[in-house]
PDB file of N, CA and C in Angstrom:
ATOM      1  N   MET A   1      -2.785   4.592 120.374  1.00  0.00           N
ATOM      2  CA  MET A   1      -2.964   4.637 119.434  1.00  0.00           C
ATOM      3  C   MET A   1      -2.400   5.751 118.900  1.00  0.00           C
ATOM      4  N   ALA A   2      -2.727   5.725 117.150  1.00  0.00           N
ATOM      5  CA  ALA A   2      -2.604   6.385 116.513  1.00  0.00           C
ATOM      6  C   ALA A   2      -3.666   8.106 116.465  1.00  0.00           C
ATOM      7  N   LYS A   3      -3.289   9.005 116.051  1.00  0.00           N
ATOM      8  CA  LYS A   3      -4.062   9.961 116.004  1.00  0.00           C
ATOM      9  C   LYS A   3      -4.400  10.717 114.846  1.00  0.00           C
ATOM     10  N   ILE A   4      -5.336  11.017 114.196  1.00  0.00           N
ATOM     11  CA  ILE A   4      -5.807  11.357 112.904  1.00  0.00           C
ATOM     12  C   ILE A   4      -6.449  13.238 113.350  1.00  0.00           C
ATOM     13  N   LYS A   5      -6.168  13.765 111.997  1.00  0.00           N
ATOM     14  CA  LYS A   5      -6.828  14.768 111.997  1.00  0.00           C
ATOM     15  C   LYS A   5      -7.955  15.096 111.078  1.00  0.00           C
ATOM     16  N   VAL A   6      -8.847  15.161 111.821  1.00  0.00           N
ATOM     17  CA  VAL A   6     -10.198  15.324 111.040  1.00  0.00           C
ATOM     18  C   VAL A   6     -10.637  17.084 110.629  1.00  0.00           C
ATOM     19  N   THR A   7     -11.200  17.118 109.143  1.00  0.00           N
ATOM     20  CA  THR A   7     -11.464  18.326 108.994  1.00  0.00           C
ATOM     21  C   THR A   7     -12.400  17.907 107.982  1.00  0.00           C
ATOM     22  N   LYS A   8     -13.615  19.362 108.075  1.00  0.00           N
ATOM     23  CA  LYS A   8     -14.801  19.220 108.082  1.00  0.00           C
ATOM     24  C   LYS A   8     -15.126  19.800 106.581  1.00  0.00           C
ATOM     25  N   ILE A   9     -15.234  19.527 105.156  1.00  0.00           N
ATOM     26  CA  ILE A   9     -15.196  20.124 104.103  1.00  0.00           C
ATOM     27  C   ILE A   9     -16.368  20.206 103.358  1.00  0.00           C
ATOM     28  N   LYS A  10     -17.732  19.696 103.870  1.00  0.00           N
ATOM     29  CA  LYS A  10     -18.912  20.096 103.499  1.00  0.00           C
ATOM     30  C   LYS A  10     -19.729  20.741 104.247  1.00  0.00           C
ATOM     31  N   SER A  11     -20.931  20.544 103.951  1.00  0.00           N
ATOM     32  CA  SER A  11     -22.006  21.821 105.081  1.00  0.00           C
ATOM     33  C   SER A  11     -22.786  20.257 105.227  1.00  0.00           C
ATOM     34  N   THR A  12     -23.594  20.604 106.993  1.00  0.00           N
ATOM     35  CA  THR A  12     -24.595  19.256 107.102  1.00  0.00           C
ATOM     36  C   THR A  12     -25.802  19.889 106.795  1.00  0.00           C
ATOM     37  N   ILE A  13     -26.107  20.996 106.343  1.00  0.00           N
ATOM     38  CA  ILE A  13     -27.372  21.312 105.896  1.00  0.00           C
ATOM     39  C   ILE A  13     -28.342  20.302 105.178  1.00  0.00           C
ATOM     40  N   GLU A  14     -29.201  19.909 105.514  1.00  0.00           N
ATOM     41  CA  GLU A  14     -30.185  19.392 104.681  1.00  0.00           C
ATOM     42  C   GLU A  14     -30.023  17.861 105.238  1.00  0.00           C
ATOM     43  N   LYS A  15     -29.051  17.705 106.293  1.00  0.00           N
ATOM     44  CA  LYS A  15     -28.721  15.715 106.007  1.00  0.00           C
ATOM     45  C   LYS A  15     -29.501  15.998 107.664  1.00  0.00           C
ATOM     46  N   ASP A  16     -28.715  14.205 107.890  1.00  0.00           N
ATOM     47  CA  ASP A  16     -30.096  13.650 109.173  1.00  0.00           C
ATOM     48  C   ASP A  16     -29.797  14.211 110.602  1.00  0.00           C
ATOM     49  N   GLU A  17     -30.419  14.241 111.013  1.00  0.00           N
ATOM     50  CA  GLU A  17     -30.171  14.293 112.889  1.00  0.00           C
ATOM     51  C   GLU A  17     -28.844  14.238 113.266  1.00  0.00           C
ATOM     52  N   ARG A  18     -29.045  12.505 113.017  1.00  0.00           N
ATOM     53  CA  ARG A  18     -27.941  11.654 113.010  1.00  0.00           C
ATOM     54  C   ARG A  18     -26.624  11.988 112.807  1.00  0.00           C
ATOM     55  N   VAL A  19     -26.407  12.494 111.487  1.00  0.00           N
ATOM     56  CA  VAL A  19     -25.149  13.282 110.913  1.00  0.00           C
ATOM     57  C   VAL A  19     -24.534  14.249 111.606  1.00  0.00           C
ATOM     58  N   LYS A  20     -25.523  14.880 112.003  1.00  0.00           N
ATOM     59  CA  LYS A  20     -25.647  16.417 112.239  1.00  0.00           C
ATOM     60  C   LYS A  20     -25.030  16.389 114.020  1.00  0.00           C
ATOM     61  N   ARG A  21     -25.642  15.140 114.945  1.00  0.00           N
ATOM     62  CA  ARG A  21     -25.273  15.173 115.734  1.00  0.00           C
ATOM     63  C   ARG A  21     -23.672  14.035 116.242  1.00  0.00           C
ATOM     64  N   THR A  22     -23.564  12.743 115.064  1.00  0.00           N
ATOM     65  CA  THR A  22     -22.403  13.358 115.024  1.00  0.00           C
ATOM     66  C   THR A  22     -20.522  13.798 114.533  1.00  0.00           C
ATOM     67  N   MET A  23     -21.123  14.722 113.491  1.00  0.00           N
ATOM     68  CA  MET A  23     -20.118  15.735 113.205  1.00  0.00           C
ATOM     69  C   MET A  23     -20.301  16.396 114.590  1.00  0.00           C
ATOM     70  N   GLN A  24     -20.825  17.070 115.403  1.00  0.00           N
ATOM     71  CA  GLN A  24     -20.669  17.457 116.807  1.00  0.00           C
ATOM     72  C   GLN A  24     -19.755  16.732 117.877  1.00  0.00           C
ATOM     73  N   ALA A  25     -20.253  15.536 117.520  1.00  0.00           N
ATOM     74  CA  ALA A  25     -19.645  14.920 118.368  1.00  0.00           C
ATOM     75  C   ALA A  25     -17.924  14.471 118.177  1.00  0.00           C
ATOM     76  N   LEU A  26     -17.551  14.894 116.788  1.00  0.00           N
ATOM     77  CA  LEU A  26     -16.302  14.811 116.280  1.00  0.00           C
ATOM     78  C   LEU A  26     -15.676  16.110 116.695  1.00  0.00           C
ATOM     79  N   GLY A  27     -16.011  16.898 116.983  1.00  0.00           N
ATOM     80  CA  GLY A  27     -15.302  18.441 117.156  1.00  0.00           C
ATOM     81  C   GLY A  27     -15.959  19.452 116.472  1.00  0.00           C
ATOM     82  N   LEU A  28     -16.807  18.932 115.693  1.00  0.00           N
ATOM     83  CA  LEU A  28     -16.265  20.138 114.461  1.00  0.00           C
ATOM     84  C   LEU A  28     -17.501  20.883 113.795  1.00  0.00           C
ATOM     85  N   GLY A  29     -17.522  21.887 113.968  1.00  0.00           N
ATOM     86  CA  GLY A  29     -18.665  22.643 113.732  1.00  0.00           C
ATOM     87  C   GLY A  29     -18.737  23.930 112.568  1.00  0.00           C
ATOM     88  N   LYS A  30     -18.034  24.307 111.525  1.00  0.00           N
ATOM     89  CA  LYS A  30     -18.439  25.321 110.851  1.00  0.00           C
ATOM     90  C   LYS A  30     -16.971  24.058 109.613  1.00  0.00           C
ATOM     91  N   VAL A  31     -18.109  24.826 108.647  1.00  0.00           N
ATOM     92  CA  VAL A  31     -16.970  24.243 107.345  1.00  0.00           C
ATOM     93  C   VAL A  31     -15.723  24.282 107.460  1.00  0.00           C
ATOM     94  N   GLY A  32     -14.257  24.201 107.692  1.00  0.00           N
ATOM     95  CA  GLY A  32     -13.204  24.320 107.198  1.00  0.00           C
ATOM     96  C   GLY A  32     -12.363  23.946 109.014  1.00  0.00           C
ATOM     97  N   SER A  33     -13.011  23.444 109.884  1.00  0.00           N
ATOM     98  CA  SER A  33     -12.456  23.389 111.123  1.00  0.00           C
ATOM     99  C   SER A  33     -11.871  22.067 111.107  1.00  0.00           C
ATOM    100  N   THR A  34     -11.028  21.589 112.214  1.00  0.00           N
ATOM    101  CA  THR A  34     -10.851  20.498 112.324  1.00  0.00           C
ATOM    102  C   THR A  34      -9.942  20.012 113.812  1.00  0.00           C
ATOM    103  N   ASN A  35      -9.965  19.167 114.151  1.00  0.00           N
ATOM    104  CA  ASN A  35      -9.898  18.320 115.540  1.00  0.00           C
ATOM    105  C   ASN A  35      -9.008  17.369 115.055  1.00  0.00           C
ATOM    106  N   GLU A  36      -7.623  17.361 116.203  1.00  0.00           N
ATOM    107  CA  GLU A  36      -7.475  16.381 116.286  1.00  0.00           C
ATOM    108  C   GLU A  36      -8.203  15.073 117.461  1.00  0.00           C
ATOM    109  N   LEU A  37      -7.849  13.153 116.857  1.00  0.00           N
ATOM    110  CA  LEU A  37      -8.890  13.158 118.041  1.00  0.00           C
ATOM    111  C   LEU A  37      -7.797  11.191 118.207  1.00  0.00           C
ATOM    112  N   GLU A  38      -7.878  10.569 118.824  1.00  0.00           N
ATOM    113  CA  GLU A  38      -7.590   9.592 118.914  1.00  0.00           C
ATOM    114  C   GLU A  38      -8.143   8.283 118.190  1.00  0.00           C
ATOM    115  N   ASN A  39      -7.371   7.741 117.022  1.00  0.00           N
ATOM    116  CA  ASN A  39      -8.397   6.656 116.629  1.00  0.00           C
ATOM    117  C   ASN A  39      -8.245   4.876 116.788  1.00  0.00           C
ATOM    118  N   SER A  40      -9.812   5.239 117.988  1.00  0.00           N
ATOM    119  CA  SER A  40     -10.120   4.549 118.468  1.00  0.00           C
ATOM    120  C   SER A  40     -11.765   3.578 117.742  1.00  0.00           C
ATOM    121  N   PRO A  41     -12.269   2.548 117.671  1.00  0.00           N
ATOM    122  CA  PRO A  41     -12.991   1.719 117.187  1.00  0.00           C
ATOM    123  C   PRO A  41     -14.013   2.977 117.282  1.00  0.00           C
ATOM    124  N   ALA A  42     -14.462   4.255 118.449  1.00  0.00           N
ATOM    125  CA  ALA A  42     -15.598   4.257 118.333  1.00  0.00           C
ATOM    126  C   ALA A  42     -15.839   5.628 117.347  1.00  0.00           C
ATOM    127  N   VAL A  43     -14.400   5.909 117.401  1.00  0.00           N
ATOM    128  CA  VAL A  43     -14.505   7.037 116.947  1.00  0.00           C
ATOM    129  C   VAL A  43     -14.102   6.694 114.970  1.00  0.00           C
ATOM    130  N   ALA A  44     -13.617   5.743 115.087  1.00  0.00           N
ATOM    131  CA  ALA A  44     -13.305   5.349 113.270  1.00  0.00           C
ATOM    132  C   ALA A  44     -14.667   5.216 113.090  1.00  0.00           C
ATOM    133  N   GLY A  45     -15.534   4.422 114.084  1.00  0.00           N
ATOM    134  CA  GLY A  45     -17.232   4.537 113.351  1.00  0.00           C
ATOM    135  C   GLY A  45     -17.811   6.061 113.097  1.00  0.00           C
ATOM    136  N   MET A  46     -17.439   6.782 114.137  1.00  0.00           N
ATOM    137  CA  MET A  46     -18.214   7.922 113.381  1.00  0.00           C
ATOM    138  C   MET A  46     -17.732   8.345 112.441  1.00  0.00           C
ATOM    139  N   VAL A  47     -17.005   8.339 112.154  1.00  0.00           N
ATOM    140  CA  VAL A  47     -16.213   8.652 110.639  1.00  0.00           C
ATOM    141  C   VAL A  47     -16.188   8.128 109.486  1.00  0.00           C
ATOM    142  N   ARG A  48     -16.408   6.708 110.101  1.00  0.00           N
ATOM    143  CA  ARG A  48     -17.384   6.060 108.938  1.00  0.00           C
ATOM    144  C   ARG A  48     -18.870   6.612 108.338  1.00  0.00           C
ATOM    145  N   ARG A  49     -19.144   6.388 109.476  1.00  0.00           N
ATOM    146  CA  ARG A  49     -20.440   7.266 109.077  1.00  0.00           C
ATOM    147  C   ARG A  49     -20.574   9.052 108.207  1.00  0.00           C
ATOM    148  N   VAL A  50     -19.905   9.449 108.867  1.00  0.00           N
ATOM    149  CA  VAL A  50     -19.833  10.591 108.036  1.00  0.00           C
ATOM    150  C   VAL A  50     -18.534  11.016 106.547  1.00  0.00           C
ATOM    151  N   GLN A  51     -18.417   9.958 106.691  1.00  0.00           N
ATOM    152  CA  GLN A  51     -17.066   9.962 105.426  1.00  0.00           C
ATOM    153  C   GLN A  51     -16.992  11.107 104.082  1.00  0.00           C
ATOM    154  N   HIS A  52     -18.598  11.367 103.892  1.00  0.00           N
ATOM    155  CA  HIS A  52     -18.824  11.859 102.555  1.00  0.00           C
ATOM    156  C   HIS A  52     -18.840  13.789 102.989  1.00  0.00           C
ATOM    157  N   LEU A  53     -18.857  13.897 104.076  1.00  0.00           N
ATOM    158  CA  LEU A  53     -18.390  15.525 104.650  1.00  0.00           C
ATOM    159  C   LEU A  53     -16.860  15.560 104.939  1.00  0.00           C
ATOM    160  N   ILE A  54     -15.981  14.728 105.343  1.00  0.00           N
ATOM    161  CA  ILE A  54     -15.136  14.731 106.153  1.00  0.00           C
ATOM    162  C   ILE A  54     -13.508  14.895 105.484  1.00  0.00           C
ATOM    163  N   LYS A  55     -12.739  15.162 105.556  1.00  0.00           N
ATOM    164  CA  LYS A  55     -11.295  14.808 105.181  1.00  0.00           C
ATOM    165  C   LYS A  55     -10.440  14.231 106.317  1.00  0.00           C
ATOM    166  N   VAL A  56      -9.848  13.377 106.185  1.00  0.00           N
ATOM    167  CA  VAL A  56      -8.654  12.033 107.127  1.00  0.00           C
ATOM    168  C   VAL A  56      -7.496  12.679 107.089  1.00  0.00           C
ATOM    169  N   GLU A  57      -6.782  12.851 107.918  1.00  0.00           N
ATOM    170  CA  GLU A  57      -5.318  12.800 107.821  1.00  0.00           C
ATOM    171  C   GLU A  57      -4.795  12.026 109.198  1.00  0.00           C
ATOM    172  N   ASN A  58      -4.061  10.453 108.795  1.00  0.00           N
ATOM    173  CA  ASN A  58      -3.390  10.161 110.097  1.00  0.00           C
ATOM    174  C   ASN A  58      -1.762  11.077 110.348  1.00  0.00           C
ATOM    175  N   LEU A  59      -1.700  11.401 111.289  1.00  0.00           N
ATOM    176  CA  LEU A  59      -0.821  11.626 112.052  1.00  0.00           C
ATOM    177  C   LEU A  59       0.306  10.874 112.565  1.00  0.00           C
TER     178      LEU A  59
END
């Protein structure tokens, strides 16, 4: 599977609890944090849910 690099670029303050938990599941804490993940269907769904808060790069 392909890998993707996910970077948090916006804060989750005043966002829905579901969005906050999705960011936590992606391994993103503070703004500017990054994580490399396998591009599975589950991860793709999480990325789609929070795409307005993150930047995604293919590796």
